[in-house]
Amino acid sequence: MKYTLLNAVLSAVIILSISHASLAHSDIPAPKPQQMPAPSFECASLSPSNIDARYAVFSSQSQPGYEVSDREIRLIKSQNRVIYKKSPIAFEAWDRNGEYVRYFPQELRSITYRPSDLRSLNMSYDLEQLFHLVSPKLKSQLRPAESIERSCFTVNQYQGQQDGQEIELEWIASLSLPYRLTIGQGQQRTTYRLISANNINADEFNALTRDYNDLDFADVGDSESDPFIAKMITQGFIQHGNSGFYDSNGNQLSEGHGSHGH
């Protein structure tokens, strides 16, 4: 039973995969491209520890000067927890101790995975990458370039290659988050760009996961009669990979943290 739920829920999601296939699911319609929204930042008061940030994801195949967004990734971070939202169907949260929770807003249900659960499922993760989107190991392997101004931020530029993919990173040191990341080769490139960043207080953050009926992963085997569990098994989530940024072919960019499929 645990193995079945892994394929139905966890393996699609370990997650936080910022890639085209990261939430592949038969009930999720293909996203409609939309013109890139104007950036919106609370520049004067932004805190790196309590922030609600949105990233637009788009392809370099868009016409020059007209960037078309494929989807958005929303990162909401407190001092000890980080939440990722990519779809109205489900979202994920991690804490500094490595505990992972998968939330299902329509059902107000959640499933919690302890670090020991993830180890038993042979799933690996990088907490620093989860809290900063880009693995510090990846950033340290790139060549630093000049600093430039983007909106109200000073960003540090980095360039390099990994596994045949060209990488361009614009890093906001004051927030410990990327402003822009471009990955790819030739004409096949994917870009992630910060489009909004706002402060979020503790009450607002906690409200995002309040009132959910939680189930420990260890108890799933005793819950086969639960309609929610039955639904999650039959929905057929598709495994993709581990957390962090991926290239246009779905290959993870940080070294040493690949997940192992089942």
C-alpha atoms as a PDB file:
ATOM      1  CA  MET A   1       0.000   0.000   0.000  1.00  0.00           C
ATOM      2  CA  LYS A   2       2.795   2.428   0.798  1.00  0.00           C
ATOM      3  CA  TYR A   3       4.350   1.759  -2.559  1.00  0.00           C
ATOM      4  CA  THR A   4       1.042   2.465  -4.303  1.00  0.00           C
ATOM      5  CA  LEU A   5       0.605   5.798  -2.533  1.00  0.00           C
ATOM      6  CA  LEU A   6       4.161   6.740  -3.381  1.00  0.00           C
ATOM      7  CA  ASN A   7       3.350   6.456  -7.061  1.00  0.00           C
ATOM      8  CA  ALA A   8      -0.020   8.153  -6.612  1.00  0.00           C
ATOM      9  CA  VAL A   9       1.138  11.062  -4.491  1.00  0.00           C
ATOM     10  CA  LEU A  10       4.705  11.387  -3.305  1.00  0.00           C
ATOM     11  CA  SER A  11       6.688  10.343  -6.343  1.00  0.00           C
ATOM     12  CA  ALA A  12       4.973  12.958  -8.478  1.00  0.00           C
ATOM     13  CA  VAL A  13       5.946  15.560  -6.064  1.00  0.00           C
ATOM     14  CA  ILE A  14       9.290  15.106  -4.434  1.00  0.00           C
ATOM     15  CA  ILE A  15       8.803  17.308  -5.482  1.00  0.00           C
ATOM     16  CA  LEU A  16       8.851  20.917  -5.908  1.00  0.00           C
ATOM     17  CA  SER A  17      10.172  20.108  -9.311  1.00  0.00           C
ATOM     18  CA  ILE A  18      10.208  23.384 -11.177  1.00  0.00           C
ATOM     19  CA  SER A  19       9.821  21.822 -14.581  1.00  0.00           C
ATOM     20  CA  HIS A  20       7.262  21.409 -17.322  1.00  0.00           C
ATOM     21  CA  ALA A  21       6.246  17.946 -16.077  1.00  0.00           C
ATOM     22  CA  SER A  22       6.388  18.622 -12.354  1.00  0.00           C
ATOM     23  CA  LEU A  23       2.677  18.265 -11.731  1.00  0.00           C
ATOM     24  CA  ALA A  24       1.750  16.026 -14.650  1.00  0.00           C
ATOM     25  CA  HIS A  25      -1.714  14.715 -14.029  1.00  0.00           C
ATOM     26  CA  SER A  26      -4.603  13.593 -16.176  1.00  0.00           C
ATOM     27  CA  ASP A  27      -7.019  16.037 -14.532  1.00  0.00           C
ATOM     28  CA  ILE A  28      -4.804  19.102 -14.967  1.00  0.00           C
ATOM     29  CA  PRO A  29      -5.421  20.922 -18.268  1.00  0.00           C
ATOM     30  CA  ALA A  30      -2.465  22.191 -20.266  1.00  0.00           C
ATOM     31  CA  PRO A  31      -1.661  25.757 -19.192  1.00  0.00           C
ATOM     32  CA  LYS A  32      -2.637  28.544 -21.523  1.00  0.00           C
ATOM     33  CA  PRO A  33       0.249  30.842 -22.468  1.00  0.00           C
ATOM     34  CA  GLN A  34      -0.197  34.375 -21.221  1.00  0.00           C
ATOM     35  CA  GLN A  35       1.697  37.602 -21.613  1.00  0.00           C
ATOM     36  CA  MET A  36       4.198  38.251 -18.847  1.00  0.00           C
ATOM     37  CA  PRO A  37       2.633  40.394 -16.090  1.00  0.00           C
ATOM     38  CA  ALA A  38       4.338  43.564 -14.916  1.00  0.00           C
ATOM     39  CA  PRO A  39       6.624  42.984 -11.914  1.00  0.00           C
ATOM     40  CA  SER A  40       5.332  43.994  -8.463  1.00  0.00           C
ATOM     41  CA  PHE A  41       7.657  44.225  -5.473  1.00  0.00           C
ATOM     42  CA  GLU A  42       7.465  45.576  -1.925  1.00  0.00           C
ATOM     43  CA  CYS A  43      11.071  46.566  -2.232  1.00  0.00           C
ATOM     44  CA  ALA A  44      11.515  48.729   0.847  1.00  0.00           C
ATOM     45  CA  SER A  45      10.410  46.176   3.425  1.00  0.00           C
ATOM     46  CA  LEU A  46      11.117  42.739   1.944  1.00  0.00           C
ATOM     47  CA  SER A  47      12.472  40.139   4.350  1.00  0.00           C
ATOM     48  CA  PRO A  48      14.368  37.064   3.095  1.00  0.00           C
ATOM     49  CA  SER A  49      12.854  34.997   5.927  1.00  0.00           C
ATOM     50  CA  ASN A  50       9.171  35.877   5.446  1.00  0.00           C
ATOM     51  CA  ILE A  51       8.359  36.300   1.782  1.00  0.00           C
ATOM     52  CA  ASP A  52       5.691  35.451  -0.773  1.00  0.00           C
ATOM     53  CA  ALA A  53       7.327  35.286  -4.206  1.00  0.00           C
ATOM     54  CA  ARG A  54       5.926  34.362  -7.629  1.00  0.00           C
ATOM     55  CA  TYR A  55       7.991  33.155 -10.579  1.00  0.00           C
ATOM     56  CA  ALA A  56       6.782  33.094 -14.176  1.00  0.00           C
ATOM     57  CA  VAL A  57       8.059  30.246 -16.342  1.00  0.00           C
ATOM     58  CA  PHE A  58       8.389  30.770 -20.079  1.00  0.00           C
ATOM     59  CA  SER A  59      10.114  29.444 -23.177  1.00  0.00           C
ATOM     60  CA  SER A  60      12.755  31.210 -25.231  1.00  0.00           C
ATOM     61  CA  GLN A  61      10.786  30.251 -28.324  1.00  0.00           C
ATOM     62  CA  SER A  62       8.565  33.249 -27.606  1.00  0.00           C
ATOM     63  CA  GLN A  63       8.841  36.138 -30.029  1.00  0.00           C
ATOM     64  CA  PRO A  64      11.567  38.651 -29.119  1.00  0.00           C
ATOM     65  CA  GLY A  65      10.190  41.336 -26.818  1.00  0.00           C
ATOM     66  CA  TYR A  66       7.024  39.345 -26.108  1.00  0.00           C
ATOM     67  CA  GLU A  67       7.576  36.826 -23.361  1.00  0.00           C
ATOM     68  CA  VAL A  68       4.782  34.287 -23.003  1.00  0.00           C
ATOM     69  CA  SER A  69       4.428  32.629 -19.620  1.00  0.00           C
ATOM     70  CA  ASP A  70       3.675  28.894 -19.540  1.00  0.00           C
ATOM     71  CA  ARG A  71       2.925  28.722 -15.810  1.00  0.00           C
ATOM     72  CA  GLU A  72       3.765  30.234 -12.455  1.00  0.00           C
ATOM     73  CA  ILE A  73       5.518  28.953  -9.357  1.00  0.00           C
ATOM     74  CA  ARG A  74       4.652  30.548  -6.029  1.00  0.00           C
ATOM     75  CA  LEU A  75       7.112  30.246  -3.143  1.00  0.00           C
ATOM     76  CA  ILE A  76       5.938  31.269   0.324  1.00  0.00           C
ATOM     77  CA  LYS A  77       8.598  31.163   2.991  1.00  0.00           C
ATOM     78  CA  SER A  78       8.702  31.597   6.754  1.00  0.00           C
ATOM     79  CA  GLN A  79      11.750  31.200   8.925  1.00  0.00           C
ATOM     80  CA  ASN A  80      11.325  27.440   9.317  1.00  0.00           C
ATOM     81  CA  ARG A  81       8.916  26.361   6.552  1.00  0.00           C
ATOM     82  CA  VAL A  82       8.587  26.819   2.826  1.00  0.00           C
ATOM     83  CA  ILE A  83       5.463  26.283   0.715  1.00  0.00           C
ATOM     84  CA  TYR A  84       5.331  25.789  -3.054  1.00  0.00           C
ATOM     85  CA  LYS A  85       2.149  26.319  -5.056  1.00  0.00           C
ATOM     86  CA  LYS A  86       1.958  25.349  -8.726  1.00  0.00           C
ATOM     87  CA  SER A  87      -1.611  24.144  -9.138  1.00  0.00           C
ATOM     88  CA  PRO A  88      -5.031  24.593  -7.492  1.00  0.00           C
ATOM     89  CA  ILE A  89      -5.185  20.820  -7.022  1.00  0.00           C
ATOM     90  CA  ALA A  90      -2.330  20.439  -4.543  1.00  0.00           C
ATOM     91  CA  PHE A  91       0.637  22.187  -2.975  1.00  0.00           C
ATOM     92  CA  GLU A  92       3.663  21.158  -0.901  1.00  0.00           C
ATOM     93  CA  ALA A  93       5.452  22.288   2.235  1.00  0.00           C
ATOM     94  CA  TRP A  94       8.794  21.448   3.836  1.00  0.00           C
ATOM     95  CA  ASP A  95      10.239  22.393   7.201  1.00  0.00           C
ATOM     96  CA  ARG A  96      13.848  22.766   8.307  1.00  0.00           C
ATOM     97  CA  ASN A  97      13.788  19.281   9.833  1.00  0.00           C
ATOM     98  CA  GLY A  98      13.014  17.682   6.475  1.00  0.00           C
ATOM     99  CA  GLU A  99       9.351  16.949   7.114  1.00  0.00           C
ATOM    100  CA  TYR A 100       7.279  17.045   3.913  1.00  0.00           C
ATOM    101  CA  VAL A 101       3.520  17.673   3.693  1.00  0.00           C
ATOM    102  CA  ARG A 102       1.317  17.392   0.616  1.00  0.00           C
ATOM    103  CA  TYR A 103      -1.881  19.501   0.812  1.00  0.00           C
ATOM    104  CA  PHE A 104      -5.075  19.042  -1.197  1.00  0.00           C
ATOM    105  CA  PRO A 105      -7.160  22.243  -0.918  1.00  0.00           C
ATOM    106  CA  GLN A 106     -10.334  20.928  -2.536  1.00  0.00           C
ATOM    107  CA  GLU A 107     -10.598  18.164   0.067  1.00  0.00           C
ATOM    108  CA  LEU A 108      -8.910  20.052   2.933  1.00  0.00           C
ATOM    109  CA  ARG A 109      -6.759  16.956   3.433  1.00  0.00           C
ATOM    110  CA  SER A 110      -3.029  16.530   3.772  1.00  0.00           C
ATOM    111  CA  ILE A 111      -0.454  13.749   4.035  1.00  0.00           C
ATOM    112  CA  THR A 112       2.669  14.167   6.157  1.00  0.00           C
ATOM    113  CA  TYR A 113       5.947  12.362   5.403  1.00  0.00           C
ATOM    114  CA  ARG A 114       8.592  12.221   8.111  1.00  0.00           C
ATOM    115  CA  PRO A 115      12.276  12.215   7.107  1.00  0.00           C
ATOM    116  CA  SER A 116      12.364   8.496   7.952  1.00  0.00           C
ATOM    117  CA  ASP A 117       9.463   7.926   5.512  1.00  0.00           C
ATOM    118  CA  LEU A 118      11.368   9.661   2.736  1.00  0.00           C
ATOM    119  CA  ARG A 119      14.504   7.661   3.493  1.00  0.00           C
ATOM    120  CA  SER A 120      12.552   4.413   3.423  1.00  0.00           C
ATOM    121  CA  LEU A 121      11.164   5.412   0.027  1.00  0.00           C
ATOM    122  CA  ASN A 122      14.673   6.204  -1.222  1.00  0.00           C
ATOM    123  CA  MET A 123      13.749   9.830  -1.892  1.00  0.00           C
ATOM    124  CA  SER A 124      16.448  12.476  -1.467  1.00  0.00           C
ATOM    125  CA  TYR A 125      16.216  16.234  -1.106  1.00  0.00           C
ATOM    126  CA  ASP A 126      18.339  19.321  -0.485  1.00  0.00           C
ATOM    127  CA  LEU A 127      16.839  21.617   2.168  1.00  0.00           C
ATOM    128  CA  GLU A 128      19.032  24.556   1.199  1.00  0.00           C
ATOM    129  CA  GLN A 129      17.838  24.249  -2.368  1.00  0.00           C
ATOM    130  CA  LEU A 130      14.222  24.006  -1.204  1.00  0.00           C
ATOM    131  CA  PHE A 131      14.507  27.231   0.771  1.00  0.00           C
ATOM    132  CA  HIS A 132      16.412  29.139  -1.937  1.00  0.00           C
ATOM    133  CA  LEU A 133      15.216  27.568  -5.220  1.00  0.00           C
ATOM    134  CA  VAL A 134      18.778  27.279  -6.519  1.00  0.00           C
ATOM    135  CA  SER A 135      21.179  24.882  -4.856  1.00  0.00           C
ATOM    136  CA  PRO A 136      24.160  26.668  -3.300  1.00  0.00           C
ATOM    137  CA  LYS A 137      26.303  23.945  -4.882  1.00  0.00           C
ATOM    138  CA  LEU A 138      25.048  24.920  -8.321  1.00  0.00           C
ATOM    139  CA  LYS A 139      25.673  28.635  -7.729  1.00  0.00           C
ATOM    140  CA  SER A 140      29.209  27.931  -6.509  1.00  0.00           C
ATOM    141  CA  GLN A 141      29.961  26.079  -9.767  1.00  0.00           C
ATOM    142  CA  LEU A 142      28.990  29.026 -11.964  1.00  0.00           C
ATOM    143  CA  ARG A 143      31.257  31.885 -13.031  1.00  0.00           C
ATOM    144  CA  PRO A 144      30.399  35.238 -11.420  1.00  0.00           C
ATOM    145  CA  ALA A 145      29.885  38.170 -13.767  1.00  0.00           C
ATOM    146  CA  GLU A 146      28.941  41.796 -13.212  1.00  0.00           C
ATOM    147  CA  SER A 147      26.246  43.088 -10.883  1.00  0.00           C
ATOM    148  CA  ILE A 148      23.291  44.879 -12.452  1.00  0.00           C
ATOM    149  CA  GLU A 149      20.057  46.571 -11.360  1.00  0.00           C
ATOM    150  CA  ARG A 150      16.740  44.772 -11.891  1.00  0.00           C
ATOM    151  CA  SER A 151      13.705  46.735 -10.756  1.00  0.00           C
ATOM    152  CA  CYS A 152      14.636  47.772  -7.202  1.00  0.00           C
ATOM    153  CA  PHE A 153      17.152  44.955  -6.695  1.00  0.00           C
ATOM    154  CA  THR A 154      20.873  44.655  -7.189  1.00  0.00           C
ATOM    155  CA  VAL A 155      21.447  41.238  -8.722  1.00  0.00           C
ATOM    156  CA  ASN A 156      24.661  39.279  -9.155  1.00  0.00           C
ATOM    157  CA  GLN A 157      25.038  37.510 -12.482  1.00  0.00           C
ATOM    158  CA  TYR A 158      26.441  33.999 -12.912  1.00  0.00           C
ATOM    159  CA  GLN A 159      27.051  31.856 -15.975  1.00  0.00           C
ATOM    160  CA  GLY A 160      28.191  28.331 -16.649  1.00  0.00           C
ATOM    161  CA  GLN A 161      27.307  24.875 -17.878  1.00  0.00           C
ATOM    162  CA  GLN A 162      26.188  21.643 -16.298  1.00  0.00           C
ATOM    163  CA  ASP A 163      25.448  18.366 -18.055  1.00  0.00           C
ATOM    164  CA  GLY A 164      25.573  20.087 -21.433  1.00  0.00           C
ATOM    165  CA  GLN A 165      23.054  22.757 -20.404  1.00  0.00           C
ATOM    166  CA  GLU A 166      23.913  26.452 -20.439  1.00  0.00           C
ATOM    167  CA  ILE A 167      22.904  28.265 -17.245  1.00  0.00           C
ATOM    168  CA  GLU A 168      22.456  31.986 -16.666  1.00  0.00           C
ATOM    169  CA  LEU A 169      21.551  33.057 -13.132  1.00  0.00           C
ATOM    170  CA  GLU A 170      20.679  36.466 -11.725  1.00  0.00           C
ATOM    171  CA  TRP A 171      20.838  36.245  -7.916  1.00  0.00           C
ATOM    172  CA  ILE A 172      19.347  38.660  -5.372  1.00  0.00           C
ATOM    173  CA  ALA A 173      21.766  38.391  -2.468  1.00  0.00           C
ATOM    174  CA  SER A 174      19.549  40.455  -0.145  1.00  0.00           C
ATOM    175  CA  LEU A 175      16.732  37.899  -0.505  1.00  0.00           C
ATOM    176  CA  SER A 176      18.831  34.771  -1.120  1.00  0.00           C
ATOM    177  CA  LEU A 177      16.606  34.005  -4.105  1.00  0.00           C
ATOM    178  CA  PRO A 178      17.064  34.118  -7.881  1.00  0.00           C
ATOM    179  CA  TYR A 179      15.642  37.028  -9.841  1.00  0.00           C
ATOM    180  CA  ARG A 180      16.010  35.148 -13.098  1.00  0.00           C
ATOM    181  CA  LEU A 181      17.284  31.735 -14.178  1.00  0.00           C
ATOM    182  CA  THR A 182      17.661  30.588 -17.781  1.00  0.00           C
ATOM    183  CA  ILE A 183      18.477  26.965 -18.597  1.00  0.00           C
ATOM    184  CA  GLY A 184      18.860  25.204 -21.915  1.00  0.00           C
ATOM    185  CA  GLN A 185      20.819  24.647 -25.059  1.00  0.00           C
ATOM    186  CA  GLY A 186      20.575  26.413 -28.422  1.00  0.00           C
ATOM    187  CA  GLN A 187      17.032  27.568 -29.060  1.00  0.00           C
ATOM    188  CA  GLN A 188      15.564  25.274 -26.407  1.00  0.00           C
ATOM    189  CA  ARG A 189      15.663  27.347 -23.230  1.00  0.00           C
ATOM    190  CA  THR A 190      13.451  27.757 -20.209  1.00  0.00           C
ATOM    191  CA  THR A 191      13.449  30.876 -18.035  1.00  0.00           C
ATOM    192  CA  TYR A 192      12.161  31.406 -14.497  1.00  0.00           C
ATOM    193  CA  ARG A 193      11.682  35.080 -13.586  1.00  0.00           C
ATOM    194  CA  LEU A 194      10.565  36.733 -10.381  1.00  0.00           C
ATOM    195  CA  ILE A 195       7.391  38.728 -11.041  1.00  0.00           C
ATOM    196  CA  SER A 196       6.243  39.618  -7.525  1.00  0.00           C
ATOM    197  CA  ALA A 197       7.600  39.595  -3.998  1.00  0.00           C
ATOM    198  CA  ASN A 198       5.764  40.640  -0.866  1.00  0.00           C
ATOM    199  CA  ASN A 199       6.139  40.217   2.864  1.00  0.00           C
ATOM    200  CA  ILE A 200       3.986  37.672   4.666  1.00  0.00           C
ATOM    201  CA  ASN A 201       3.507  37.580   8.421  1.00  0.00           C
ATOM    202  CA  ALA A 202       3.255  34.491  10.625  1.00  0.00           C
ATOM    203  CA  ASP A 203      -0.549  34.573  10.848  1.00  0.00           C
ATOM    204  CA  GLU A 204      -0.933  34.828   7.072  1.00  0.00           C
ATOM    205  CA  PHE A 205       1.525  31.997   6.544  1.00  0.00           C
ATOM    206  CA  ASN A 206      -0.118  29.695   9.088  1.00  0.00           C
ATOM    207  CA  ALA A 207      -3.552  30.368   7.584  1.00  0.00           C
ATOM    208  CA  LEU A 208      -2.428  28.717   4.352  1.00  0.00           C
ATOM    209  CA  THR A 209      -2.362  25.282   6.015  1.00  0.00           C
ATOM    210  CA  ARG A 210      -4.905  25.739   8.778  1.00  0.00           C
ATOM    211  CA  ASP A 211      -7.959  23.451   9.089  1.00  0.00           C
ATOM    212  CA  TYR A 212      -6.499  20.581   7.054  1.00  0.00           C
ATOM    213  CA  ASN A 213      -7.267  17.029   8.156  1.00  0.00           C
ATOM    214  CA  ASP A 214      -3.814  15.458   8.180  1.00  0.00           C
ATOM    215  CA  LEU A 215      -2.819  11.807   7.836  1.00  0.00           C
ATOM    216  CA  ASP A 216       0.638  10.426   8.525  1.00  0.00           C
ATOM    217  CA  PHE A 217       2.090   8.456   5.651  1.00  0.00           C
ATOM    218  CA  ALA A 218       2.783   5.604   8.101  1.00  0.00           C
ATOM    219  CA  ASP A 219      -0.972   5.271   8.655  1.00  0.00           C
ATOM    220  CA  VAL A 220      -1.957   5.105   5.005  1.00  0.00           C
ATOM    221  CA  GLY A 221      -1.920   1.307   4.996  1.00  0.00           C
ATOM    222  CA  ASP A 222      -4.744   1.282   7.517  1.00  0.00           C
ATOM    223  CA  SER A 223      -6.823   3.789   5.560  1.00  0.00           C
ATOM    224  CA  GLU A 224      -7.690   2.011   2.328  1.00  0.00           C
ATOM    225  CA  SER A 225     -11.402   2.533   2.991  1.00  0.00           C
ATOM    226  CA  ASP A 226     -10.896   6.305   3.204  1.00  0.00           C
ATOM    227  CA  PRO A 227     -12.470   7.801   0.030  1.00  0.00           C
ATOM    228  CA  PHE A 228      -9.743  10.436  -0.125  1.00  0.00           C
ATOM    229  CA  ILE A 229      -6.972   7.831  -0.101  1.00  0.00           C
ATOM    230  CA  ALA A 230      -8.803   5.771  -2.706  1.00  0.00           C
ATOM    231  CA  LYS A 231      -9.150   8.859  -4.889  1.00  0.00           C
ATOM    232  CA  MET A 232      -5.445   9.719  -4.616  1.00  0.00           C
ATOM    233  CA  ILE A 233      -4.494   6.193  -5.655  1.00  0.00           C
ATOM    234  CA  THR A 234      -6.763   6.202  -8.699  1.00  0.00           C
ATOM    235  CA  GLN A 235      -5.839   9.722  -9.863  1.00  0.00           C
ATOM    236  CA  GLY A 236      -2.469   8.473 -11.132  1.00  0.00           C
ATOM    237  CA  PHE A 237       0.046  11.172 -10.332  1.00  0.00           C
ATOM    238  CA  ILE A 238       3.159  10.711 -12.500  1.00  0.00           C
ATOM    239  CA  GLN A 239       6.629  10.576 -10.978  1.00  0.00           C
ATOM    240  CA  HIS A 240       9.006  13.261 -12.132  1.00  0.00           C
ATOM    241  CA  GLY A 241      11.975  13.974  -9.906  1.00  0.00           C
ATOM    242  CA  ASN A 242      13.544  15.705  -6.966  1.00  0.00           C
ATOM    243  CA  SER A 243      13.311  19.276  -5.853  1.00  0.00           C
ATOM    244  CA  GLY A 244      14.792  22.272  -7.580  1.00  0.00           C
ATOM    245  CA  PHE A 245      15.301  23.598 -11.084  1.00  0.00           C
ATOM    246  CA  TYR A 246      15.300  21.369 -14.155  1.00  0.00           C
ATOM    247  CA  ASP A 247      16.412  21.847 -17.737  1.00  0.00           C
ATOM    248  CA  SER A 248      14.066  21.757 -20.726  1.00  0.00           C
ATOM    249  CA  ASN A 249      14.395  17.963 -20.880  1.00  0.00           C
ATOM    250  CA  GLY A 250      13.408  17.476 -17.252  1.00  0.00           C
ATOM    251  CA  ASN A 251      16.945  16.770 -15.990  1.00  0.00           C
ATOM    252  CA  GLN A 252      17.775  18.123 -12.558  1.00  0.00           C
ATOM    253  CA  LEU A 253      20.506  20.740 -12.459  1.00  0.00           C
ATOM    254  CA  SER A 254      21.944  20.294  -8.969  1.00  0.00           C
ATOM    255  CA  GLU A 255      24.424  17.543  -8.384  1.00  0.00           C
ATOM    256  CA  GLY A 256      24.021  14.751  -5.899  1.00  0.00           C
ATOM    257  CA  HIS A 257      20.323  15.048  -5.160  1.00  0.00           C
ATOM    258  CA  GLY A 258      18.558  12.980  -7.748  1.00  0.00           C
ATOM    259  CA  SER A 259      15.584  10.947  -6.648  1.00  0.00           C
ATOM    260  CA  HIS A 260      15.144   7.311  -7.428  1.00  0.00           C
ATOM    261  CA  GLY A 261      11.986   6.289  -9.139  1.00  0.00           C
ATOM    262  CA  HIS A 262       9.811   3.297  -8.367  1.00  0.00           C
END
